């Protein structure tokens, strides 16, 4: 089984911020990336804080179904 998320750092205006990339089982790839809002600073770069934040975010993540994957009538009803 694939890890539900990975962390990476991205340069922001004030420094590096941790981002989380979330795995989509249906698409079989990482399809969503969100900022954790935690700056990568200090000796351990606050990675554990970023992991905890990503785990919280994972509970709220909902991958939308692609329109092409849904039956046409269901798409119109939605």
N, C-alpha and C. Protein backbone atom coordinates (compact mmCIF):
# COMPACT_ATOMS: atom_id res chain seq x y z
N UNK A 1 0.84 -1.18 0.00
CA UNK A 1 0.00 0.00 0.00
C UNK A 1 0.88 1.25 0.00
N UNK A 2 0.47 2.23 -0.73
CA UNK A 2 1.20 3.49 -0.85
C UNK A 2 0.94 4.36 0.37
N UNK A 3 1.94 5.14 0.76
CA UNK A 3 1.79 6.08 1.86
C UNK A 3 0.71 7.10 1.49
N UNK A 4 -0.19 7.46 2.41
CA UNK A 4 -1.28 8.36 2.05
C UNK A 4 -0.83 9.79 1.73
N UNK A 5 0.37 10.17 2.15
CA UNK A 5 0.88 11.49 1.81
C UNK A 5 2.40 11.51 1.89
N UNK A 6 2.98 12.47 1.20
CA UNK A 6 4.42 12.73 1.30
C UNK A 6 4.60 14.21 1.59
N UNK A 7 5.72 14.55 2.18
CA UNK A 7 6.02 15.94 2.49
C UNK A 7 7.13 16.45 1.59
N UNK A 8 7.04 17.70 1.24
CA UNK A 8 8.12 18.35 0.51
C UNK A 8 8.13 19.82 0.91
N UNK A 9 9.28 20.47 0.68
CA UNK A 9 9.43 21.88 1.03
C UNK A 9 9.32 22.73 -0.22
N UNK A 10 8.70 23.89 -0.05
CA UNK A 10 8.55 24.82 -1.17
C UNK A 10 8.89 26.22 -0.68
N UNK A 11 9.62 26.96 -1.50
CA UNK A 11 10.04 28.30 -1.11
C UNK A 11 8.85 29.25 -1.12
N UNK A 12 8.72 29.99 -0.03
CA UNK A 12 7.69 31.02 0.10
C UNK A 12 8.39 32.35 0.31
N UNK A 13 7.64 33.39 0.48
CA UNK A 13 8.21 34.72 0.65
C UNK A 13 9.16 34.83 1.83
N UNK A 14 8.83 34.19 2.95
CA UNK A 14 9.63 34.32 4.17
C UNK A 14 10.54 33.12 4.45
N UNK A 15 10.56 32.14 3.60
CA UNK A 15 11.39 30.95 3.81
C UNK A 15 10.76 29.72 3.19
N UNK A 16 11.15 28.54 3.68
CA UNK A 16 10.62 27.28 3.17
C UNK A 16 9.42 26.84 4.00
N UNK A 17 8.38 26.37 3.32
CA UNK A 17 7.17 25.87 3.98
C UNK A 17 6.98 24.42 3.59
N UNK A 18 6.53 23.60 4.55
CA UNK A 18 6.22 22.20 4.29
C UNK A 18 4.89 22.09 3.55
N UNK A 19 4.87 21.29 2.50
CA UNK A 19 3.66 20.97 1.75
C UNK A 19 3.43 19.47 1.85
N UNK A 20 2.18 19.07 1.78
CA UNK A 20 1.82 17.64 1.77
C UNK A 20 1.20 17.31 0.42
N UNK A 21 1.62 16.20 -0.15
CA UNK A 21 1.08 15.69 -1.41
C UNK A 21 0.30 14.43 -1.07
N UNK A 22 -0.99 14.38 -1.45
CA UNK A 22 -1.88 13.29 -1.03
C UNK A 22 -2.13 12.29 -2.16
N UNK A 23 -2.13 11.01 -1.78
CA UNK A 23 -2.30 9.91 -2.73
C UNK A 23 -3.78 9.66 -3.01
N UNK A 24 -4.12 9.52 -4.29
CA UNK A 24 -5.48 9.20 -4.72
C UNK A 24 -5.47 7.77 -5.23
N UNK A 25 -6.14 6.85 -4.50
CA UNK A 25 -6.15 5.44 -4.89
C UNK A 25 -6.82 5.21 -6.24
N UNK A 26 -7.88 5.95 -6.49
CA UNK A 26 -8.61 5.75 -7.74
C UNK A 26 -7.76 6.13 -8.95
N UNK A 27 -7.08 7.26 -8.86
CA UNK A 27 -6.23 7.72 -9.97
C UNK A 27 -4.87 7.03 -9.96
N UNK A 28 -4.53 6.41 -8.84
CA UNK A 28 -3.27 5.71 -8.64
C UNK A 28 -2.07 6.64 -8.81
N UNK A 29 -2.19 7.84 -8.24
CA UNK A 29 -1.09 8.80 -8.25
C UNK A 29 -1.36 9.88 -7.20
N UNK A 30 -0.35 10.67 -6.91
CA UNK A 30 -0.53 11.81 -6.03
C UNK A 30 -1.22 12.90 -6.84
N UNK A 31 -2.41 13.31 -6.42
CA UNK A 31 -3.17 14.26 -7.22
C UNK A 31 -3.45 15.59 -6.54
N UNK A 32 -3.12 15.71 -5.27
CA UNK A 32 -3.48 16.91 -4.53
C UNK A 32 -2.34 17.33 -3.63
N UNK A 33 -1.97 18.58 -3.67
CA UNK A 33 -0.92 19.11 -2.79
C UNK A 33 -1.47 20.32 -2.05
N UNK A 34 -1.21 20.37 -0.75
CA UNK A 34 -1.69 21.47 0.10
C UNK A 34 -0.58 21.92 1.03
N UNK A 35 -0.57 23.21 1.35
CA UNK A 35 0.39 23.75 2.30
C UNK A 35 -0.02 23.37 3.72
N UNK A 36 0.97 23.00 4.54
CA UNK A 36 0.68 22.74 5.94
C UNK A 36 0.73 24.04 6.74
N UNK A 37 1.35 25.06 6.18
CA UNK A 37 1.48 26.33 6.87
C UNK A 37 2.61 26.35 7.89
N UNK A 38 3.42 25.30 7.91
CA UNK A 38 4.51 25.18 8.88
C UNK A 38 5.84 25.44 8.18
N UNK A 39 6.58 26.41 8.72
CA UNK A 39 7.87 26.75 8.15
C UNK A 39 8.92 25.69 8.50
N UNK A 40 9.77 25.36 7.54
CA UNK A 40 10.86 24.40 7.74
C UNK A 40 12.04 25.16 8.32
N UNK A 41 12.11 25.20 9.64
CA UNK A 41 13.18 25.95 10.30
C UNK A 41 13.63 25.19 11.53
N UNK A 42 14.83 25.48 11.97
CA UNK A 42 15.38 24.80 13.13
C UNK A 42 16.17 23.56 12.73
N UNK A 43 16.71 22.89 13.72
CA UNK A 43 17.58 21.74 13.47
C UNK A 43 16.85 20.59 12.77
N UNK A 44 15.64 20.28 13.23
CA UNK A 44 14.88 19.19 12.62
C UNK A 44 13.85 19.69 11.62
N UNK A 45 13.87 20.99 11.35
CA UNK A 45 13.02 21.64 10.36
C UNK A 45 11.53 21.46 10.63
N UNK A 46 11.16 21.17 11.85
CA UNK A 46 9.76 21.03 12.27
C UNK A 46 8.99 20.02 11.42
N UNK A 47 9.69 18.97 10.97
CA UNK A 47 9.08 17.97 10.10
C UNK A 47 7.98 17.19 10.83
N UNK A 48 8.20 16.89 12.10
CA UNK A 48 7.19 16.13 12.86
C UNK A 48 5.88 16.92 12.96
N UNK A 49 5.99 18.23 13.17
CA UNK A 49 4.79 19.08 13.20
C UNK A 49 4.06 19.03 11.86
N UNK A 50 4.82 19.08 10.78
CA UNK A 50 4.24 19.04 9.44
C UNK A 50 3.55 17.69 9.20
N UNK A 51 4.14 16.59 9.67
CA UNK A 51 3.52 15.27 9.53
C UNK A 51 2.19 15.21 10.28
N UNK A 52 2.17 15.73 11.49
CA UNK A 52 0.93 15.73 12.28
C UNK A 52 -0.15 16.58 11.60
N UNK A 53 0.24 17.72 11.07
CA UNK A 53 -0.71 18.58 10.37
C UNK A 53 -1.25 17.89 9.13
N UNK A 54 -0.39 17.19 8.38
CA UNK A 54 -0.81 16.47 7.18
C UNK A 54 -1.78 15.35 7.53
N UNK A 55 -1.55 14.68 8.66
CA UNK A 55 -2.48 13.63 9.10
C UNK A 55 -3.85 14.21 9.42
N UNK A 56 -3.89 15.39 10.02
CA UNK A 56 -5.15 16.08 10.28
C UNK A 56 -5.83 16.44 8.97
N UNK A 57 -5.06 16.95 8.03
CA UNK A 57 -5.60 17.35 6.74
C UNK A 57 -6.14 16.16 5.97
N UNK A 58 -5.52 15.00 6.14
CA UNK A 58 -5.92 13.79 5.43
C UNK A 58 -7.36 13.41 5.74
N UNK A 59 -7.80 13.67 6.97
CA UNK A 59 -9.18 13.35 7.37
C UNK A 59 -10.19 14.18 6.61
N UNK A 60 -9.79 15.37 6.18
CA UNK A 60 -10.70 16.30 5.51
C UNK A 60 -10.63 16.21 3.99
N UNK A 61 -9.64 15.51 3.46
CA UNK A 61 -9.45 15.43 2.02
C UNK A 61 -10.51 14.53 1.40
N UNK A 62 -11.18 15.04 0.38
CA UNK A 62 -12.14 14.26 -0.40
C UNK A 62 -11.75 14.42 -1.86
N UNK A 63 -11.44 13.32 -2.51
CA UNK A 63 -11.09 13.38 -3.92
C UNK A 63 -12.38 13.35 -4.73
N UNK A 64 -12.53 14.33 -5.56
CA UNK A 64 -13.73 14.44 -6.39
C UNK A 64 -13.66 13.43 -7.53
N UNK A 65 -14.81 12.91 -7.88
CA UNK A 65 -14.89 12.01 -9.01
C UNK A 65 -14.79 12.82 -10.30
N UNK A 66 -14.09 12.31 -11.25
CA UNK A 66 -14.01 12.97 -12.55
C UNK A 66 -15.37 12.85 -13.23
N UNK A 67 -15.74 13.86 -13.95
CA UNK A 67 -17.03 13.87 -14.65
C UNK A 67 -17.09 12.72 -15.64
N UNK A 68 -16.00 12.43 -16.29
CA UNK A 68 -15.98 11.35 -17.29
C UNK A 68 -16.19 9.99 -16.64
N UNK A 69 -15.91 9.86 -15.35
CA UNK A 69 -16.06 8.57 -14.66
C UNK A 69 -17.48 8.32 -14.21
N UNK A 70 -18.29 9.35 -14.10
CA UNK A 70 -19.65 9.17 -13.58
C UNK A 70 -20.65 8.94 -14.71
N UNK A 71 -21.68 8.19 -14.43
CA UNK A 71 -22.73 8.02 -15.44
C UNK A 71 -23.37 9.37 -15.78
N UNK A 72 -23.80 9.54 -16.98
CA UNK A 72 -24.30 10.82 -17.43
C UNK A 72 -25.51 11.29 -16.64
N UNK A 73 -26.44 10.40 -16.35
CA UNK A 73 -27.65 10.77 -15.61
C UNK A 73 -27.28 11.22 -14.20
N UNK A 74 -26.37 10.51 -13.55
CA UNK A 74 -25.93 10.90 -12.20
C UNK A 74 -25.26 12.26 -12.22
N UNK A 75 -24.49 12.53 -13.26
CA UNK A 75 -23.84 13.82 -13.40
C UNK A 75 -24.88 14.93 -13.50
N UNK A 76 -25.91 14.73 -14.29
CA UNK A 76 -26.96 15.75 -14.45
C UNK A 76 -27.74 15.95 -13.16
N UNK A 77 -27.98 14.89 -12.41
CA UNK A 77 -28.70 15.01 -11.15
C UNK A 77 -27.91 15.80 -10.12
N UNK A 78 -26.60 15.61 -10.12
CA UNK A 78 -25.75 16.34 -9.17
C UNK A 78 -25.70 17.80 -9.53
